[in-house]
């Protein structure tokens, strides 16, 4: 068998994507680092070079998957042109639509609540700096400063995820939009330039 030489970062991403697919299809207990290596067409030693254990591989696979799931949301938040209000509304639509989450069934399966929470927290960490930058830009466009932008970004991201995916939330996206609008209005009223 001929060996394909690949950039280490690219190989790592390939292994993580393969691992996430296998974990989602076969379940955590039925996947090993060797199985991921086999599915990716690499030697087990190479997979162990990147991940010293199945636990580490799983943790990194969830983190990588969360970053990939957040890419569309971050792209919307990073846009120039539309108002922050419009971008937040579109970001909530993307996040609640689940179309860009290929392993949604795995994370929403019965008994996987802790995994879903872990993914949600990782997505919040991926989105938070983009929302902070959007809040800072919104304040600057009004001639204001945003000293609490990071804290507000945390409240908005973690709160929206809780509202949109919390148990018993019939229309979490609508609730998330309401609370985000209220937080944004308060942010704007308190951040006016002197």
C-alpha atoms as a PDB file:
ATOM      1  CA  UNK A   1       0.000   0.000   0.000  1.00  0.00           C
ATOM      2  CA  UNK A   2       1.408   3.396  -0.951  1.00  0.00           C
ATOM      3  CA  UNK A   3       1.677   6.004   1.733  1.00  0.00           C
ATOM      4  CA  UNK A   4      -0.016   9.376   1.344  1.00  0.00           C
ATOM      5  CA  UNK A   5       2.010  12.134   2.923  1.00  0.00           C
ATOM      6  CA  UNK A   6      -0.205  14.799   4.411  1.00  0.00           C
ATOM      7  CA  UNK A   7       0.341  18.003   6.335  1.00  0.00           C
ATOM      8  CA  UNK A   8       0.219  17.123  10.075  1.00  0.00           C
ATOM      9  CA  UNK A   9      -2.598  19.598  10.754  1.00  0.00           C
ATOM     10  CA  UNK A  10      -4.614  18.223   7.865  1.00  0.00           C
ATOM     11  CA  UNK A  11      -4.000  14.636   8.998  1.00  0.00           C
ATOM     12  CA  UNK A  12      -5.111  15.518  12.522  1.00  0.00           C
ATOM     13  CA  UNK A  13      -8.329  17.120  11.206  1.00  0.00           C
ATOM     14  CA  UNK A  14      -8.959  14.057   9.043  1.00  0.00           C
ATOM     15  CA  UNK A  15      -8.546  11.730  12.039  1.00  0.00           C
ATOM     16  CA  UNK A  16     -10.823  13.893  14.198  1.00  0.00           C
ATOM     17  CA  UNK A  17     -13.550  13.971  11.543  1.00  0.00           C
ATOM     18  CA  UNK A  18     -13.275  10.209  11.112  1.00  0.00           C
ATOM     19  CA  UNK A  19     -13.369   9.696  14.884  1.00  0.00           C
ATOM     20  CA  UNK A  20     -16.469  11.879  15.290  1.00  0.00           C
ATOM     21  CA  UNK A  21     -18.232   9.982  12.504  1.00  0.00           C
ATOM     22  CA  UNK A  22     -17.402   6.621  14.094  1.00  0.00           C
ATOM     23  CA  UNK A  23     -18.380   7.745  17.599  1.00  0.00           C
ATOM     24  CA  UNK A  24     -21.709   9.013  16.236  1.00  0.00           C
ATOM     25  CA  UNK A  25     -22.380   5.861  14.198  1.00  0.00           C
ATOM     26  CA  UNK A  26     -21.135   3.190  16.583  1.00  0.00           C
ATOM     27  CA  UNK A  27     -21.140   4.775  20.040  1.00  0.00           C
ATOM     28  CA  UNK A  28     -18.259   5.613  22.312  1.00  0.00           C
ATOM     29  CA  UNK A  29     -17.827   2.112  23.759  1.00  0.00           C
ATOM     30  CA  UNK A  30     -17.545   0.504  20.307  1.00  0.00           C
ATOM     31  CA  UNK A  31     -14.775   2.715  18.922  1.00  0.00           C
ATOM     32  CA  UNK A  32     -11.041   2.530  19.576  1.00  0.00           C
ATOM     33  CA  UNK A  33      -8.073   4.564  18.381  1.00  0.00           C
ATOM     34  CA  UNK A  34      -7.142   1.533  16.247  1.00  0.00           C
ATOM     35  CA  UNK A  35     -10.627   1.483  14.678  1.00  0.00           C
ATOM     36  CA  UNK A  36     -10.332   5.164  13.795  1.00  0.00           C
ATOM     37  CA  UNK A  37      -6.886   4.557  12.294  1.00  0.00           C
ATOM     38  CA  UNK A  38      -8.254   1.663  10.241  1.00  0.00           C
ATOM     39  CA  UNK A  39     -11.214   3.723   8.998  1.00  0.00           C
ATOM     40  CA  UNK A  40      -8.898   6.617   8.099  1.00  0.00           C
ATOM     41  CA  UNK A  41      -6.489   4.285   6.304  1.00  0.00           C
ATOM     42  CA  UNK A  42      -3.481   5.021   8.508  1.00  0.00           C
ATOM     43  CA  UNK A  43      -1.307   2.948  10.796  1.00  0.00           C
ATOM     44  CA  UNK A  44      -2.462   2.768  14.435  1.00  0.00           C
ATOM     45  CA  UNK A  45       0.895   4.183  15.518  1.00  0.00           C
ATOM     46  CA  UNK A  46       0.195   7.360  13.577  1.00  0.00           C
ATOM     47  CA  UNK A  47      -3.189   7.770  15.248  1.00  0.00           C
ATOM     48  CA  UNK A  48      -1.555   7.225  18.661  1.00  0.00           C
ATOM     49  CA  UNK A  49       1.059   9.822  17.706  1.00  0.00           C
ATOM     50  CA  UNK A  50      -1.752  12.409  17.645  1.00  0.00           C
ATOM     51  CA  UNK A  51      -3.956  10.996  20.413  1.00  0.00           C
ATOM     52  CA  UNK A  52      -2.519   9.048  23.326  1.00  0.00           C
ATOM     53  CA  UNK A  53      -5.904   7.643  24.346  1.00  0.00           C
ATOM     54  CA  UNK A  54      -9.463   7.167  23.199  1.00  0.00           C
ATOM     55  CA  UNK A  55     -10.607   9.669  25.820  1.00  0.00           C
ATOM     56  CA  UNK A  56      -8.331  12.367  24.429  1.00  0.00           C
ATOM     57  CA  UNK A  57      -9.386  11.558  20.876  1.00  0.00           C
ATOM     58  CA  UNK A  58     -13.049  11.817  21.859  1.00  0.00           C
ATOM     59  CA  UNK A  59     -12.574  15.120  23.692  1.00  0.00           C
ATOM     60  CA  UNK A  60     -10.688  16.615  20.766  1.00  0.00           C
ATOM     61  CA  UNK A  61     -13.212  15.226  18.262  1.00  0.00           C
ATOM     62  CA  UNK A  62     -16.049  16.967  20.111  1.00  0.00           C
ATOM     63  CA  UNK A  63     -14.052  20.210  20.248  1.00  0.00           C
ATOM     64  CA  UNK A  64     -13.246  20.025  16.542  1.00  0.00           C
ATOM     65  CA  UNK A  65     -16.857  19.191  15.683  1.00  0.00           C
ATOM     66  CA  UNK A  66     -18.099  22.116  17.807  1.00  0.00           C
ATOM     67  CA  UNK A  67     -15.757  24.510  15.999  1.00  0.00           C
ATOM     68  CA  UNK A  68     -16.973  23.213  12.634  1.00  0.00           C
ATOM     69  CA  UNK A  69     -20.619  23.541  13.741  1.00  0.00           C
ATOM     70  CA  UNK A  70     -19.955  27.114  14.874  1.00  0.00           C
ATOM     71  CA  UNK A  71     -18.324  28.191  11.592  1.00  0.00           C
ATOM     72  CA  UNK A  72     -21.584  29.314   9.978  1.00  0.00           C
ATOM     73  CA  UNK A  73     -22.692  31.182  13.088  1.00  0.00           C
ATOM     74  CA  UNK A  74     -19.305  32.881  13.337  1.00  0.00           C
ATOM     75  CA  UNK A  75     -19.371  33.835   9.665  1.00  0.00           C
ATOM     76  CA  UNK A  76     -22.719  35.561  10.224  1.00  0.00           C
ATOM     77  CA  UNK A  77     -21.446  37.384  13.326  1.00  0.00           C
ATOM     78  CA  UNK A  78     -18.313  38.493  11.466  1.00  0.00           C
ATOM     79  CA  UNK A  79     -20.223  39.983   8.512  1.00  0.00           C
ATOM     80  CA  UNK A  80     -19.923  43.670   7.848  1.00  0.00           C
ATOM     81  CA  UNK A  81     -22.984  45.497   6.622  1.00  0.00           C
ATOM     82  CA  UNK A  82     -26.029  43.993   8.313  1.00  0.00           C
ATOM     83  CA  UNK A  83     -26.874  45.350  11.742  1.00  0.00           C
ATOM     84  CA  UNK A  84     -25.928  43.353  14.806  1.00  0.00           C
ATOM     85  CA  UNK A  85     -29.647  42.785  15.406  1.00  0.00           C
ATOM     86  CA  UNK A  86     -29.992  41.156  11.982  1.00  0.00           C
ATOM     87  CA  UNK A  87     -26.848  39.077  12.443  1.00  0.00           C
ATOM     88  CA  UNK A  88     -27.992  37.820  15.857  1.00  0.00           C
ATOM     89  CA  UNK A  89     -31.352  36.827  14.404  1.00  0.00           C
ATOM     90  CA  UNK A  90     -29.668  34.905  11.581  1.00  0.00           C
ATOM     91  CA  UNK A  91     -27.204  33.299  14.000  1.00  0.00           C
ATOM     92  CA  UNK A  92     -30.072  32.023  16.153  1.00  0.00           C
ATOM     93  CA  UNK A  93     -31.792  30.655  13.040  1.00  0.00           C
ATOM     94  CA  UNK A  94     -28.629  28.815  12.034  1.00  0.00           C
ATOM     95  CA  UNK A  95     -28.045  27.446  15.508  1.00  0.00           C
ATOM     96  CA  UNK A  96     -31.606  26.252  15.953  1.00  0.00           C
ATOM     97  CA  UNK A  97     -32.004  24.903  12.412  1.00  0.00           C
ATOM     98  CA  UNK A  98     -29.560  22.043  12.994  1.00  0.00           C
ATOM     99  CA  UNK A  99     -29.010  21.697   9.225  1.00  0.00           C
ATOM    100  CA  UNK A 100     -25.281  22.239   9.640  1.00  0.00           C
ATOM    101  CA  UNK A 101     -24.919  19.643  12.401  1.00  0.00           C
ATOM    102  CA  UNK A 102     -24.300  16.289  10.694  1.00  0.00           C
ATOM    103  CA  UNK A 103     -24.161  14.311  13.955  1.00  0.00           C
ATOM    104  CA  UNK A 104     -27.227  15.915  15.521  1.00  0.00           C
ATOM    105  CA  UNK A 105     -28.997  12.585  16.087  1.00  0.00           C
ATOM    106  CA  UNK A 106     -26.065  11.292  18.149  1.00  0.00           C
ATOM    107  CA  UNK A 107     -25.934  14.294  20.469  1.00  0.00           C
ATOM    108  CA  UNK A 108     -29.728  14.425  20.854  1.00  0.00           C
ATOM    109  CA  UNK A 109     -30.199  10.706  21.456  1.00  0.00           C
ATOM    110  CA  UNK A 110     -31.762   9.608  24.708  1.00  0.00           C
ATOM    111  CA  UNK A 111     -29.114   9.225  27.377  1.00  0.00           C
ATOM    112  CA  UNK A 112     -26.688  11.591  25.652  1.00  0.00           C
ATOM    113  CA  UNK A 113     -27.620  14.731  27.586  1.00  0.00           C
ATOM    114  CA  UNK A 114     -24.133  15.115  29.044  1.00  0.00           C
ATOM    115  CA  UNK A 115     -22.603  14.789  25.577  1.00  0.00           C
ATOM    116  CA  UNK A 116     -25.030  17.370  24.205  1.00  0.00           C
ATOM    117  CA  UNK A 117     -24.120  19.730  27.048  1.00  0.00           C
ATOM    118  CA  UNK A 118     -20.424  19.204  26.376  1.00  0.00           C
ATOM    119  CA  UNK A 119     -20.916  20.003  22.693  1.00  0.00           C
ATOM    120  CA  UNK A 120     -23.031  23.054  23.524  1.00  0.00           C
ATOM    121  CA  UNK A 121     -20.375  24.435  25.860  1.00  0.00           C
ATOM    122  CA  UNK A 122     -17.652  23.888  23.263  1.00  0.00           C
ATOM    123  CA  UNK A 123     -19.769  25.690  20.658  1.00  0.00           C
ATOM    124  CA  UNK A 124     -20.278  28.598  23.063  1.00  0.00           C
ATOM    125  CA  UNK A 125     -16.516  28.896  23.478  1.00  0.00           C
ATOM    126  CA  UNK A 126     -16.108  28.917  19.694  1.00  0.00           C
ATOM    127  CA  UNK A 127     -18.805  31.586  19.178  1.00  0.00           C
ATOM    128  CA  UNK A 128     -18.048  33.840  22.145  1.00  0.00           C
ATOM    129  CA  UNK A 129     -15.004  35.728  20.732  1.00  0.00           C
ATOM    130  CA  UNK A 130     -16.884  36.468  17.509  1.00  0.00           C
ATOM    131  CA  UNK A 131     -19.873  37.805  19.416  1.00  0.00           C
ATOM    132  CA  UNK A 132     -17.559  39.883  21.633  1.00  0.00           C
ATOM    133  CA  UNK A 133     -15.981  41.440  18.521  1.00  0.00           C
ATOM    134  CA  UNK A 134     -19.444  42.146  17.070  1.00  0.00           C
ATOM    135  CA  UNK A 135     -20.540  43.819  20.316  1.00  0.00           C
ATOM    136  CA  UNK A 136     -17.360  45.929  20.389  1.00  0.00           C
ATOM    137  CA  UNK A 137     -17.898  46.972  16.755  1.00  0.00           C
ATOM    138  CA  UNK A 138     -21.534  47.852  17.488  1.00  0.00           C
ATOM    139  CA  UNK A 139     -20.453  50.040  20.414  1.00  0.00           C
ATOM    140  CA  UNK A 140     -17.714  51.701  18.351  1.00  0.00           C
ATOM    141  CA  UNK A 141     -20.214  52.513  15.588  1.00  0.00           C
ATOM    142  CA  UNK A 142     -22.190  54.462  18.212  1.00  0.00           C
ATOM    143  CA  UNK A 143     -19.091  56.211  19.547  1.00  0.00           C
ATOM    144  CA  UNK A 144     -19.213  54.147  22.722  1.00  0.00           C
ATOM    145  CA  UNK A 145     -16.886  51.718  24.432  1.00  0.00           C
ATOM    146  CA  UNK A 146     -17.757  48.181  25.419  1.00  0.00           C
ATOM    147  CA  UNK A 147     -15.763  47.325  28.560  1.00  0.00           C
ATOM    148  CA  UNK A 148     -18.136  44.464  29.407  1.00  0.00           C
ATOM    149  CA  UNK A 149     -18.382  43.004  25.896  1.00  0.00           C
ATOM    150  CA  UNK A 150     -16.703  39.735  26.853  1.00  0.00           C
ATOM    151  CA  UNK A 151     -18.989  39.157  29.828  1.00  0.00           C
ATOM    152  CA  UNK A 152     -22.057  40.047  27.787  1.00  0.00           C
ATOM    153  CA  UNK A 153     -20.927  37.729  24.980  1.00  0.00           C
ATOM    154  CA  UNK A 154     -20.667  34.923  27.543  1.00  0.00           C
ATOM    155  CA  UNK A 155     -24.126  35.633  28.954  1.00  0.00           C
ATOM    156  CA  UNK A 156     -25.617  35.815  25.470  1.00  0.00           C
ATOM    157  CA  UNK A 157     -24.018  32.646  24.107  1.00  0.00           C
ATOM    158  CA  UNK A 158     -24.514  30.433  27.140  1.00  0.00           C
ATOM    159  CA  UNK A 159     -27.989  31.827  27.762  1.00  0.00           C
ATOM    160  CA  UNK A 160     -29.130  31.382  24.170  1.00  0.00           C
ATOM    161  CA  UNK A 161     -27.922  27.777  24.131  1.00  0.00           C
ATOM    162  CA  UNK A 162     -29.758  27.086  27.379  1.00  0.00           C
ATOM    163  CA  UNK A 163     -32.958  28.617  26.050  1.00  0.00           C
ATOM    164  CA  UNK A 164     -32.767  27.019  22.635  1.00  0.00           C
ATOM    165  CA  UNK A 165     -31.896  23.515  23.802  1.00  0.00           C
ATOM    166  CA  UNK A 166     -33.199  23.371  27.351  1.00  0.00           C
ATOM    167  CA  UNK A 167     -35.749  20.755  28.359  1.00  0.00           C
ATOM    168  CA  UNK A 168     -39.361  21.837  27.986  1.00  0.00           C
ATOM    169  CA  UNK A 169     -38.615  24.771  25.686  1.00  0.00           C
ATOM    170  CA  UNK A 170     -41.338  24.594  23.015  1.00  0.00           C
ATOM    171  CA  UNK A 171     -39.851  27.395  20.922  1.00  0.00           C
ATOM    172  CA  UNK A 172     -36.430  28.044  22.333  1.00  0.00           C
ATOM    173  CA  UNK A 173     -35.316  30.041  19.292  1.00  0.00           C
ATOM    174  CA  UNK A 174     -38.078  32.618  19.864  1.00  0.00           C
ATOM    175  CA  UNK A 175     -37.194  32.841  23.555  1.00  0.00           C
ATOM    176  CA  UNK A 176     -33.499  33.195  22.726  1.00  0.00           C
ATOM    177  CA  UNK A 177     -34.262  36.016  20.289  1.00  0.00           C
ATOM    178  CA  UNK A 178     -36.367  37.866  22.894  1.00  0.00           C
ATOM    179  CA  UNK A 179     -33.673  37.673  25.549  1.00  0.00           C
ATOM    180  CA  UNK A 180     -30.875  38.548  23.146  1.00  0.00           C
ATOM    181  CA  UNK A 181     -32.813  41.629  21.996  1.00  0.00           C
ATOM    182  CA  UNK A 182     -33.379  42.678  25.627  1.00  0.00           C
ATOM    183  CA  UNK A 183     -29.698  42.196  26.502  1.00  0.00           C
ATOM    184  CA  UNK A 184     -28.615  44.102  23.399  1.00  0.00           C
ATOM    185  CA  UNK A 185     -30.982  46.989  24.207  1.00  0.00           C
ATOM    186  CA  UNK A 186     -29.592  47.188  27.740  1.00  0.00           C
ATOM    187  CA  UNK A 187     -26.033  47.038  26.413  1.00  0.00           C
ATOM    188  CA  UNK A 188     -26.749  49.897  24.049  1.00  0.00           C
ATOM    189  CA  UNK A 189     -28.462  52.060  26.637  1.00  0.00           C
ATOM    190  CA  UNK A 190     -25.667  51.625  29.161  1.00  0.00           C
ATOM    191  CA  UNK A 191     -22.825  52.081  26.676  1.00  0.00           C
ATOM    192  CA  UNK A 192     -23.712  55.523  25.357  1.00  0.00           C
ATOM    193  CA  UNK A 193     -20.799  57.923  25.031  1.00  0.00           C
ATOM    194  CA  UNK A 194     -20.589  60.698  27.650  1.00  0.00           C
END
